[in-house]
Amino acid sequence: MSRYVSNLVVAEYDRDIKKEYAETMSLRQTVRVKTGVVGTTYRFQKSSQGMATKKVPQADVVPMNLSYSHVTATMEDWNAPEYTDVFDAPKVNFDEKREIVEESGAAIGRRDTQVIINALEAGATTLTTAKTIGSTDGMNTAKFR
């Protein structure tokens, strides 16, 4: 968008892109996410996996003995820019702004998904879900698919 576009138009475009992105992301719900991070890194706390034991009346409680550690995520900036010519809007038979919003949101969603897939293929333990990806459960891309 032009640097001369009004703040109202920029805010509207930003809102539309975020809405489109939210509708197209698919793997983001499967990993732990932290928004609003200030700085270039964020430390996620993680715990080992426990196993439930059968309850027996009047028996001693057997703890799971969970261990705790952390993994560090490094922030990266991504964007999906596109040029548009406001003077061509009356000459085309579609809503170019809407097309750019949809494709930009989808492009950011695809990048988000690709970052998650790349971490899975690398065997990273930095992605956490109900289970820790890439650790003792042998999770890999083939099992994920």
C-alpha atoms as a PDB file:
ATOM      1  CA  MET A   1       0.000   0.000   0.000  1.00  0.00           C
ATOM      2  CA  SER A   2       1.181   3.515  -0.709  1.00  0.00           C
ATOM      3  CA  ARG A   3       2.725   5.500   2.091  1.00  0.00           C
ATOM      4  CA  TYR A   4       0.224   8.249   1.254  1.00  0.00           C
ATOM      5  CA  VAL A   5      -2.876   6.153   1.974  1.00  0.00           C
ATOM      6  CA  SER A   6      -4.949   7.376   4.913  1.00  0.00           C
ATOM      7  CA  ASN A   7      -4.640   5.679   8.297  1.00  0.00           C
ATOM      8  CA  LEU A   8      -8.289   4.586   8.050  1.00  0.00           C
ATOM      9  CA  VAL A   9      -7.625   2.636   4.840  1.00  0.00           C
ATOM     10  CA  VAL A  10      -4.479   1.081   6.343  1.00  0.00           C
ATOM     11  CA  ALA A  11      -6.393   0.007   9.479  1.00  0.00           C
ATOM     12  CA  GLU A  12      -9.193  -1.497   7.357  1.00  0.00           C
ATOM     13  CA  TYR A  13      -6.692  -3.382   5.191  1.00  0.00           C
ATOM     14  CA  ASP A  14      -4.838  -4.655   8.288  1.00  0.00           C
ATOM     15  CA  ARG A  15      -8.115  -5.873   9.825  1.00  0.00           C
ATOM     16  CA  ASP A  16      -9.111  -7.644   6.611  1.00  0.00           C
ATOM     17  CA  ILE A  17      -5.710  -9.360   6.270  1.00  0.00           C
ATOM     18  CA  LYS A  18      -5.824 -10.634   9.866  1.00  0.00           C
ATOM     19  CA  LYS A  19      -9.350 -11.985   9.329  1.00  0.00           C
ATOM     20  CA  GLU A  20      -8.334 -13.746   6.117  1.00  0.00           C
ATOM     21  CA  TYR A  21      -5.227 -15.192   7.780  1.00  0.00           C
ATOM     22  CA  ALA A  22      -7.278 -16.528  10.687  1.00  0.00           C
ATOM     23  CA  GLU A  23      -9.573 -18.324   8.249  1.00  0.00           C
ATOM     24  CA  THR A  24      -6.757 -19.990   6.274  1.00  0.00           C
ATOM     25  CA  MET A  25      -4.322 -21.195   8.937  1.00  0.00           C
ATOM     26  CA  SER A  26      -4.549 -24.917   9.559  1.00  0.00           C
ATOM     27  CA  LEU A  27      -1.652 -26.219  11.670  1.00  0.00           C
ATOM     28  CA  ARG A  28      -1.410 -23.254  14.021  1.00  0.00           C
ATOM     29  CA  GLN A  29      -4.050 -24.775  16.321  1.00  0.00           C
ATOM     30  CA  THR A  30      -1.838 -27.845  16.812  1.00  0.00           C
ATOM     31  CA  VAL A  31       1.121 -26.028  18.382  1.00  0.00           C
ATOM     32  CA  ARG A  32       1.609 -23.812  21.411  1.00  0.00           C
ATOM     33  CA  VAL A  33       1.487 -20.150  20.371  1.00  0.00           C
ATOM     34  CA  LYS A  34       2.519 -16.987  22.203  1.00  0.00           C
ATOM     35  CA  THR A  35       1.462 -13.657  20.718  1.00  0.00           C
ATOM     36  CA  GLY A  36       2.631 -10.177  21.613  1.00  0.00           C
ATOM     37  CA  VAL A  37       6.254 -11.203  22.188  1.00  0.00           C
ATOM     38  CA  VAL A  38       8.666  -8.307  22.646  1.00  0.00           C
ATOM     39  CA  GLY A  39      12.190  -9.094  21.484  1.00  0.00           C
ATOM     40  CA  THR A  40      13.671 -11.703  19.159  1.00  0.00           C
ATOM     41  CA  THR A  41      13.288 -14.859  21.276  1.00  0.00           C
ATOM     42  CA  TYR A  42      10.759 -16.469  23.585  1.00  0.00           C
ATOM     43  CA  ARG A  43      11.315 -19.365  25.998  1.00  0.00           C
ATOM     44  CA  PHE A  44       8.515 -21.933  26.135  1.00  0.00           C
ATOM     45  CA  GLN A  45       8.360 -24.118  29.228  1.00  0.00           C
ATOM     46  CA  LYS A  46       7.688 -27.790  28.593  1.00  0.00           C
ATOM     47  CA  SER A  47       7.275 -30.863  30.717  1.00  0.00           C
ATOM     48  CA  SER A  48       7.968 -34.514  30.141  1.00  0.00           C
ATOM     49  CA  GLN A  49       5.116 -36.934  29.568  1.00  0.00           C
ATOM     50  CA  GLY A  50       3.503 -38.788  32.425  1.00  0.00           C
ATOM     51  CA  MET A  51       1.607 -42.059  32.515  1.00  0.00           C
ATOM     52  CA  ALA A  52      -1.551 -42.648  34.508  1.00  0.00           C
ATOM     53  CA  THR A  53      -1.538 -45.552  36.931  1.00  0.00           C
ATOM     54  CA  LYS A  54      -4.471 -47.698  37.956  1.00  0.00           C
ATOM     55  CA  LYS A  55      -6.236 -46.529  41.085  1.00  0.00           C
ATOM     56  CA  VAL A  56      -6.179 -49.078  43.865  1.00  0.00           C
ATOM     57  CA  PRO A  57      -8.081 -48.297  47.103  1.00  0.00           C
ATOM     58  CA  GLN A  58      -5.825 -47.722  50.153  1.00  0.00           C
ATOM     59  CA  ALA A  59      -2.666 -47.958  47.969  1.00  0.00           C
ATOM     60  CA  ASP A  60       0.143 -45.424  47.909  1.00  0.00           C
ATOM     61  CA  VAL A  61      -0.029 -42.740  45.252  1.00  0.00           C
ATOM     62  CA  VAL A  62       2.584 -43.232  42.522  1.00  0.00           C
ATOM     63  CA  PRO A  63       3.752 -39.845  41.170  1.00  0.00           C
ATOM     64  CA  MET A  64       4.455 -39.393  37.475  1.00  0.00           C
ATOM     65  CA  ASN A  65       7.839 -37.712  38.218  1.00  0.00           C
ATOM     66  CA  LEU A  66       7.510 -35.101  35.504  1.00  0.00           C
ATOM     67  CA  SER A  67      10.625 -33.180  34.543  1.00  0.00           C
ATOM     68  CA  TYR A  68      10.587 -29.636  33.248  1.00  0.00           C
ATOM     69  CA  SER A  69      12.769 -27.858  30.707  1.00  0.00           C
ATOM     70  CA  HIS A  70      12.488 -25.077  28.165  1.00  0.00           C
ATOM     71  CA  VAL A  71      12.886 -24.522  24.446  1.00  0.00           C
ATOM     72  CA  THR A  72      13.644 -21.223  22.777  1.00  0.00           C
ATOM     73  CA  ALA A  73      11.752 -19.916  19.772  1.00  0.00           C
ATOM     74  CA  THR A  74      13.443 -17.310  17.583  1.00  0.00           C
ATOM     75  CA  MET A  75      11.140 -14.719  16.040  1.00  0.00           C
ATOM     76  CA  GLU A  76      11.245 -14.050  12.292  1.00  0.00           C
ATOM     77  CA  ASP A  77       9.508 -11.313  10.338  1.00  0.00           C
ATOM     78  CA  TRP A  78       7.537 -12.300   7.222  1.00  0.00           C
ATOM     79  CA  ASN A  79       5.363 -10.250   4.914  1.00  0.00           C
ATOM     80  CA  ALA A  80       3.287 -10.772   1.785  1.00  0.00           C
ATOM     81  CA  PRO A  81       3.266  -7.452  -0.104  1.00  0.00           C
ATOM     82  CA  GLU A  82       1.683  -6.729  -3.457  1.00  0.00           C
ATOM     83  CA  TYR A  83       1.442  -3.624  -5.615  1.00  0.00           C
ATOM     84  CA  THR A  84      -1.894  -2.242  -6.706  1.00  0.00           C
ATOM     85  CA  ASP A  85      -2.909   0.701  -8.827  1.00  0.00           C
ATOM     86  CA  VAL A  86      -5.924   2.555  -7.454  1.00  0.00           C
ATOM     87  CA  PHE A  87      -6.463   4.151 -10.852  1.00  0.00           C
ATOM     88  CA  ASP A  88      -7.047   0.741 -12.464  1.00  0.00           C
ATOM     89  CA  ALA A  89      -9.917  -0.150 -10.084  1.00  0.00           C
ATOM     90  CA  PRO A  90     -12.666   1.234 -12.373  1.00  0.00           C
ATOM     91  CA  LYS A  91     -11.153  -0.600 -15.374  1.00  0.00           C
ATOM     92  CA  VAL A  92     -11.219  -4.155 -14.003  1.00  0.00           C
ATOM     93  CA  ASN A  93     -14.262  -6.370 -13.476  1.00  0.00           C
ATOM     94  CA  PHE A  94     -13.324  -7.639  -9.997  1.00  0.00           C
ATOM     95  CA  ASP A  95     -12.525  -6.240  -6.557  1.00  0.00           C
ATOM     96  CA  GLU A  96      -8.735  -6.098  -6.707  1.00  0.00           C
ATOM     97  CA  LYS A  97      -8.426  -5.022  -3.068  1.00  0.00           C
ATOM     98  CA  ARG A  98     -10.445  -8.042  -1.932  1.00  0.00           C
ATOM     99  CA  GLU A  99      -8.313 -10.350  -4.113  1.00  0.00           C
ATOM    100  CA  ILE A 100      -5.093  -8.956  -2.641  1.00  0.00           C
ATOM    101  CA  VAL A 101      -6.442  -9.238   0.915  1.00  0.00           C
ATOM    102  CA  GLU A 102      -7.467 -12.872   0.377  1.00  0.00           C
ATOM    103  CA  GLU A 103      -4.194 -13.870  -1.256  1.00  0.00           C
ATOM    104  CA  SER A 104      -2.019 -12.008   1.264  1.00  0.00           C
ATOM    105  CA  GLY A 105      -3.821 -13.630   4.185  1.00  0.00           C
ATOM    106  CA  ALA A 106      -3.567 -17.047   2.558  1.00  0.00           C
ATOM    107  CA  ALA A 107       0.143 -16.503   1.790  1.00  0.00           C
ATOM    108  CA  ILE A 108       0.891 -15.688   5.425  1.00  0.00           C
ATOM    109  CA  GLY A 109      -1.135 -18.736   6.509  1.00  0.00           C
ATOM    110  CA  ARG A 110       0.830 -20.960   4.101  1.00  0.00           C
ATOM    111  CA  ARG A 111       4.126 -19.588   5.460  1.00  0.00           C
ATOM    112  CA  ASP A 112       2.949 -20.245   9.022  1.00  0.00           C
ATOM    113  CA  THR A 113       2.083 -23.836   8.080  1.00  0.00           C
ATOM    114  CA  GLN A 114       5.407 -24.295   6.264  1.00  0.00           C
ATOM    115  CA  VAL A 115       7.374 -23.128   9.327  1.00  0.00           C
ATOM    116  CA  ILE A 116       5.588 -25.766  11.426  1.00  0.00           C
ATOM    117  CA  ILE A 117       6.187 -28.498   8.810  1.00  0.00           C
ATOM    118  CA  ASN A 118       9.883 -27.551   8.529  1.00  0.00           C
ATOM    119  CA  ALA A 119      10.281 -27.832  12.300  1.00  0.00           C
ATOM    120  CA  LEU A 120       8.582 -31.249  12.249  1.00  0.00           C
ATOM    121  CA  GLU A 121      10.853 -32.506   9.474  1.00  0.00           C
ATOM    122  CA  ALA A 122      13.918 -31.244  11.338  1.00  0.00           C
ATOM    123  CA  GLY A 123      12.827 -33.261  14.380  1.00  0.00           C
ATOM    124  CA  ALA A 124      12.573 -30.130  16.492  1.00  0.00           C
ATOM    125  CA  THR A 125      11.210 -30.387  19.998  1.00  0.00           C
ATOM    126  CA  THR A 126      10.279 -26.726  19.940  1.00  0.00           C
ATOM    127  CA  LEU A 127       6.749 -27.479  18.763  1.00  0.00           C
ATOM    128  CA  THR A 128       4.542 -28.640  21.594  1.00  0.00           C
ATOM    129  CA  THR A 129       1.008 -29.948  21.521  1.00  0.00           C
ATOM    130  CA  ALA A 130      -0.699 -32.386  23.848  1.00  0.00           C
ATOM    131  CA  LYS A 131       2.411 -34.478  23.158  1.00  0.00           C
ATOM    132  CA  THR A 132       5.888 -33.141  22.534  1.00  0.00           C
ATOM    133  CA  ILE A 133       6.639 -33.422  18.836  1.00  0.00           C
ATOM    134  CA  GLY A 134       9.858 -35.209  17.946  1.00  0.00           C
ATOM    135  CA  SER A 135      10.740 -36.565  21.396  1.00  0.00           C
ATOM    136  CA  THR A 136      10.003 -39.941  22.985  1.00  0.00           C
ATOM    137  CA  ASP A 137       6.874 -40.689  20.957  1.00  0.00           C
ATOM    138  CA  GLY A 138       8.816 -40.770  17.649  1.00  0.00           C
ATOM    139  CA  MET A 139       6.536 -38.225  15.970  1.00  0.00           C
ATOM    140  CA  ASN A 140       7.615 -37.409  12.448  1.00  0.00           C
ATOM    141  CA  THR A 141       6.168 -35.968   9.253  1.00  0.00           C
ATOM    142  CA  ALA A 142       4.984 -39.348   7.955  1.00  0.00           C
ATOM    143  CA  LYS A 143       2.989 -40.050  11.130  1.00  0.00           C
ATOM    144  CA  PHE A 144       1.644 -36.513  11.095  1.00  0.00           C
ATOM    145  CA  ARG A 145       0.356 -36.908   7.545  1.00  0.00           C
END
